[in-house]
Amino acid sequence: MSNPLIPTSNSERIRPGYWAFFAIVGAVAAAAITFCGINDQFRKVEGLQSAYMPVCNEMCQRIMEANSKLDRLLSENREVTPAVEGAIREAGSVQDDCRKQMLAQIYRVSMQMNPADGERYLRLMKSRVIQPGLSSDTAVRAATE
């Protein structure tokens, strides 16, 4: 004969009131895992952005220098000289390098996101690559219209 005080199955060991407790704990644990996953994604993106800032600053400096040189040559000349042609090529080359590096960074960042967010990010950033002089709010407006 079995003793009524000794549980004979796992379901008898856990009182019905505890099921709600375990369900809440499980939901909180699932939320924490999801939250940590999002934080991990954020940390990776933040790390990529921090690592890219010196590259971006260097590219901006190179663009400013190339544009200043071109501006000076345009002010000094009244015709297209070989120096002006060279400055135009240099300014274009620096801007091309910037676009390539920016696009590589955009791809790196998008790869750290879930597929849907990565695609949305790529759409938002496309106008920044096509027209890098746009302000960031213009890029966002253009991508969402």
C-alpha atoms as a PDB file:
ATOM      1  CA  MET A   1       0.000   0.000   0.000  1.00  0.00           C
ATOM      2  CA  SER A   2       1.316   3.431  -0.857  1.00  0.00           C
ATOM      3  CA  ASN A   3       1.792   6.198   1.613  1.00  0.00           C
ATOM      4  CA  PRO A   4      -0.328   9.281   0.651  1.00  0.00           C
ATOM      5  CA  LEU A   5       2.418  11.609   1.921  1.00  0.00           C
ATOM      6  CA  ILE A   6       4.988  10.172  -0.488  1.00  0.00           C
ATOM      7  CA  PRO A   7       4.492  11.382  -4.064  1.00  0.00           C
ATOM      8  CA  THR A   8       4.284   8.634  -6.649  1.00  0.00           C
ATOM      9  CA  SER A   9       4.832  10.775  -9.764  1.00  0.00           C
ATOM     10  CA  ASN A  10       6.625  14.005 -10.749  1.00  0.00           C
ATOM     11  CA  SER A  11       3.351  15.839 -11.222  1.00  0.00           C
ATOM     12  CA  GLU A  12       2.391  15.110  -7.653  1.00  0.00           C
ATOM     13  CA  ARG A  13       5.637  16.609  -6.364  1.00  0.00           C
ATOM     14  CA  ILE A  14       4.884  20.059  -7.769  1.00  0.00           C
ATOM     15  CA  ARG A  15       1.822  21.778  -6.423  1.00  0.00           C
ATOM     16  CA  PRO A  16      -0.515  23.387  -8.942  1.00  0.00           C
ATOM     17  CA  GLY A  17       0.359  26.890  -7.675  1.00  0.00           C
ATOM     18  CA  TYR A  18       3.975  26.337  -8.608  1.00  0.00           C
ATOM     19  CA  TRP A  19       3.153  25.776 -12.295  1.00  0.00           C
ATOM     20  CA  ALA A  20       2.426  29.488 -12.680  1.00  0.00           C
ATOM     21  CA  PHE A  21       5.680  30.297 -10.905  1.00  0.00           C
ATOM     22  CA  PHE A  22       7.662  27.989 -13.210  1.00  0.00           C
ATOM     23  CA  ALA A  23       5.885  29.400 -16.267  1.00  0.00           C
ATOM     24  CA  ILE A  24       6.818  32.937 -15.215  1.00  0.00           C
ATOM     25  CA  VAL A  25      10.401  31.935 -14.477  1.00  0.00           C
ATOM     26  CA  GLY A  26      10.588  30.224 -17.864  1.00  0.00           C
ATOM     27  CA  ALA A  27       9.210  33.289 -19.637  1.00  0.00           C
ATOM     28  CA  VAL A  28      11.656  35.554 -17.813  1.00  0.00           C
ATOM     29  CA  ALA A  29      14.519  33.214 -18.712  1.00  0.00           C
ATOM     30  CA  ALA A  30      13.463  33.201 -22.377  1.00  0.00           C
ATOM     31  CA  ALA A  31      13.222  36.991 -22.351  1.00  0.00           C
ATOM     32  CA  ALA A  32      16.660  37.247 -20.730  1.00  0.00           C
ATOM     33  CA  ILE A  33      18.167  34.966 -23.375  1.00  0.00           C
ATOM     34  CA  THR A  34      16.566  37.034 -26.134  1.00  0.00           C
ATOM     35  CA  PHE A  35      17.668  40.271 -24.470  1.00  0.00           C
ATOM     36  CA  CYS A  36      21.239  38.987 -24.124  1.00  0.00           C
ATOM     37  CA  GLY A  37      21.176  38.018 -27.793  1.00  0.00           C
ATOM     38  CA  ILE A  38      20.093  41.534 -28.738  1.00  0.00           C
ATOM     39  CA  ASN A  39      22.740  43.019 -26.408  1.00  0.00           C
ATOM     40  CA  ASP A  40      25.350  40.746 -27.975  1.00  0.00           C
ATOM     41  CA  GLN A  41      24.319  41.965 -31.438  1.00  0.00           C
ATOM     42  CA  PHE A  42      24.460  45.558 -30.220  1.00  0.00           C
ATOM     43  CA  ARG A  43      27.939  45.034 -28.720  1.00  0.00           C
ATOM     44  CA  LYS A  44      29.225  43.534 -31.971  1.00  0.00           C
ATOM     45  CA  VAL A  45      27.823  46.397 -34.056  1.00  0.00           C
ATOM     46  CA  GLU A  46      29.126  48.950 -31.590  1.00  0.00           C
ATOM     47  CA  GLY A  47      32.569  47.320 -31.752  1.00  0.00           C
ATOM     48  CA  LEU A  48      32.535  47.412 -35.540  1.00  0.00           C
ATOM     49  CA  GLN A  49      31.511  51.064 -35.518  1.00  0.00           C
ATOM     50  CA  SER A  50      34.206  51.977 -32.987  1.00  0.00           C
ATOM     51  CA  ALA A  51      36.839  50.190 -35.054  1.00  0.00           C
ATOM     52  CA  TYR A  52      35.643  51.960 -38.204  1.00  0.00           C
ATOM     53  CA  MET A  53      35.684  55.508 -36.762  1.00  0.00           C
ATOM     54  CA  PRO A  54      39.442  56.067 -37.307  1.00  0.00           C
ATOM     55  CA  VAL A  55      39.073  54.845 -40.907  1.00  0.00           C
ATOM     56  CA  CYS A  56      36.109  57.148 -41.451  1.00  0.00           C
ATOM     57  CA  ASN A  57      37.927  60.106 -39.894  1.00  0.00           C
ATOM     58  CA  GLU A  58      40.958  59.464 -42.106  1.00  0.00           C
ATOM     59  CA  MET A  59      38.763  59.273 -45.207  1.00  0.00           C
ATOM     60  CA  CYS A  60      37.021  62.534 -44.289  1.00  0.00           C
ATOM     61  CA  GLN A  61      40.403  64.183 -43.810  1.00  0.00           C
ATOM     62  CA  ARG A  62      41.636  62.911 -47.187  1.00  0.00           C
ATOM     63  CA  ILE A  63      38.452  64.137 -48.893  1.00  0.00           C
ATOM     64  CA  MET A  64      38.789  67.580 -47.305  1.00  0.00           C
ATOM     65  CA  GLU A  65      42.432  67.807 -48.384  1.00  0.00           C
ATOM     66  CA  ALA A  66      41.659  66.697 -51.955  1.00  0.00           C
ATOM     67  CA  ASN A  67      38.731  69.116 -52.176  1.00  0.00           C
ATOM     68  CA  SER A  68      40.833  71.963 -50.767  1.00  0.00           C
ATOM     69  CA  LYS A  69      43.557  71.278 -53.319  1.00  0.00           C
ATOM     70  CA  LEU A  70      40.986  71.220 -56.125  1.00  0.00           C
ATOM     71  CA  ASP A  71      39.369  74.410 -54.829  1.00  0.00           C
ATOM     72  CA  ARG A  72      42.741  76.172 -54.698  1.00  0.00           C
ATOM     73  CA  LEU A  73      43.616  75.062 -58.243  1.00  0.00           C
ATOM     74  CA  LEU A  74      40.213  76.125 -59.566  1.00  0.00           C
ATOM     75  CA  SER A  75      40.686  79.556 -57.981  1.00  0.00           C
ATOM     76  CA  GLU A  76      44.186  79.921 -59.472  1.00  0.00           C
ATOM     77  CA  ASN A  77      43.351  78.793 -63.020  1.00  0.00           C
ATOM     78  CA  ARG A  78      40.960  79.935 -65.711  1.00  0.00           C
ATOM     79  CA  GLU A  79      41.243  76.758 -67.763  1.00  0.00           C
ATOM     80  CA  VAL A  80      41.493  73.029 -67.267  1.00  0.00           C
ATOM     81  CA  THR A  81      45.193  72.458 -66.719  1.00  0.00           C
ATOM     82  CA  PRO A  82      46.951  69.146 -66.154  1.00  0.00           C
ATOM     83  CA  ALA A  83      47.143  70.058 -62.446  1.00  0.00           C
ATOM     84  CA  VAL A  84      43.378  70.661 -62.329  1.00  0.00           C
ATOM     85  CA  GLU A  85      42.754  67.374 -64.139  1.00  0.00           C
ATOM     86  CA  GLY A  86      44.982  65.577 -61.637  1.00  0.00           C
ATOM     87  CA  ALA A  87      43.207  67.209 -58.692  1.00  0.00           C
ATOM     88  CA  ILE A  88      39.818  66.204 -60.112  1.00  0.00           C
ATOM     89  CA  ARG A  89      41.022  62.595 -60.495  1.00  0.00           C
ATOM     90  CA  GLU A  90      42.498  62.617 -56.996  1.00  0.00           C
ATOM     91  CA  ALA A  91      39.302  63.982 -55.426  1.00  0.00           C
ATOM     92  CA  GLY A  92      37.240  61.383 -57.274  1.00  0.00           C
ATOM     93  CA  SER A  93      39.600  58.577 -56.312  1.00  0.00           C
ATOM     94  CA  VAL A  94      39.496  59.510 -52.638  1.00  0.00           C
ATOM     95  CA  GLN A  95      35.700  59.660 -52.737  1.00  0.00           C
ATOM     96  CA  ASP A  96      35.605  56.256 -54.465  1.00  0.00           C
ATOM     97  CA  ASP A  97      37.867  54.797 -51.758  1.00  0.00           C
ATOM     98  CA  CYS A  98      35.596  56.260 -49.106  1.00  0.00           C
ATOM     99  CA  ARG A  99      32.508  54.738 -50.708  1.00  0.00           C
ATOM    100  CA  LYS A 100      34.150  51.319 -50.965  1.00  0.00           C
ATOM    101  CA  GLN A 101      35.231  51.380 -47.330  1.00  0.00           C
ATOM    102  CA  MET A 102      31.851  52.676 -46.213  1.00  0.00           C
ATOM    103  CA  LEU A 103      30.070  49.943 -48.186  1.00  0.00           C
ATOM    104  CA  ALA A 104      32.334  47.263 -46.709  1.00  0.00           C
ATOM    105  CA  GLN A 105      31.488  48.594 -43.232  1.00  0.00           C
ATOM    106  CA  ILE A 106      27.771  48.619 -44.026  1.00  0.00           C
ATOM    107  CA  TYR A 107      27.997  44.981 -45.117  1.00  0.00           C
ATOM    108  CA  ARG A 108      29.964  44.041 -41.975  1.00  0.00           C
ATOM    109  CA  VAL A 109      27.359  45.689 -39.751  1.00  0.00           C
ATOM    110  CA  SER A 110      24.418  44.140 -41.611  1.00  0.00           C
ATOM    111  CA  MET A 111      25.952  40.674 -41.153  1.00  0.00           C
ATOM    112  CA  GLN A 112      25.712  41.111 -37.375  1.00  0.00           C
ATOM    113  CA  MET A 113      21.947  41.640 -37.568  1.00  0.00           C
ATOM    114  CA  ASN A 114      19.143  39.196 -38.007  1.00  0.00           C
ATOM    115  CA  PRO A 115      18.224  38.863 -41.704  1.00  0.00           C
ATOM    116  CA  ALA A 116      15.189  41.175 -41.630  1.00  0.00           C
ATOM    117  CA  ASP A 117      17.008  43.949 -39.745  1.00  0.00           C
ATOM    118  CA  GLY A 118      20.071  43.508 -41.949  1.00  0.00           C
ATOM    119  CA  GLU A 119      17.999  43.979 -45.101  1.00  0.00           C
ATOM    120  CA  ARG A 120      16.278  47.056 -43.676  1.00  0.00           C
ATOM    121  CA  TYR A 121      19.661  48.494 -42.669  1.00  0.00           C
ATOM    122  CA  LEU A 122      21.046  47.882 -46.171  1.00  0.00           C
ATOM    123  CA  ARG A 123      18.048  49.678 -47.712  1.00  0.00           C
ATOM    124  CA  LEU A 124      18.514  52.628 -45.370  1.00  0.00           C
ATOM    125  CA  MET A 125      22.219  52.878 -46.041  1.00  0.00           C
ATOM    126  CA  LYS A 126      22.062  52.451 -49.824  1.00  0.00           C
ATOM    127  CA  SER A 127      21.396  56.144 -50.375  1.00  0.00           C
ATOM    128  CA  ARG A 128      24.451  56.960 -48.250  1.00  0.00           C
ATOM    129  CA  VAL A 129      26.606  54.990 -50.686  1.00  0.00           C
ATOM    130  CA  ILE A 130      24.926  56.366 -53.796  1.00  0.00           C
ATOM    131  CA  GLN A 131      25.006  59.959 -52.526  1.00  0.00           C
ATOM    132  CA  PRO A 132      27.530  60.066 -49.665  1.00  0.00           C
ATOM    133  CA  GLY A 133      27.077  63.808 -49.159  1.00  0.00           C
ATOM    134  CA  LEU A 134      23.497  63.360 -47.958  1.00  0.00           C
ATOM    135  CA  SER A 135      22.760  64.078 -44.334  1.00  0.00           C
ATOM    136  CA  SER A 136      21.725  61.002 -42.363  1.00  0.00           C
ATOM    137  CA  ASP A 137      18.117  62.145 -42.044  1.00  0.00           C
ATOM    138  CA  THR A 138      17.893  62.522 -45.830  1.00  0.00           C
ATOM    139  CA  ALA A 139      19.100  58.938 -46.229  1.00  0.00           C
ATOM    140  CA  VAL A 140      16.479  57.709 -43.800  1.00  0.00           C
ATOM    141  CA  ARG A 141      13.689  59.725 -45.449  1.00  0.00           C
ATOM    142  CA  ALA A 142      14.689  58.504 -48.910  1.00  0.00           C
ATOM    143  CA  ALA A 143      14.739  54.875 -47.810  1.00  0.00           C
ATOM    144  CA  THR A 144      11.367  55.023 -46.070  1.00  0.00           C
ATOM    145  CA  GLU A 145       9.415  56.938 -48.729  1.00  0.00           C
END
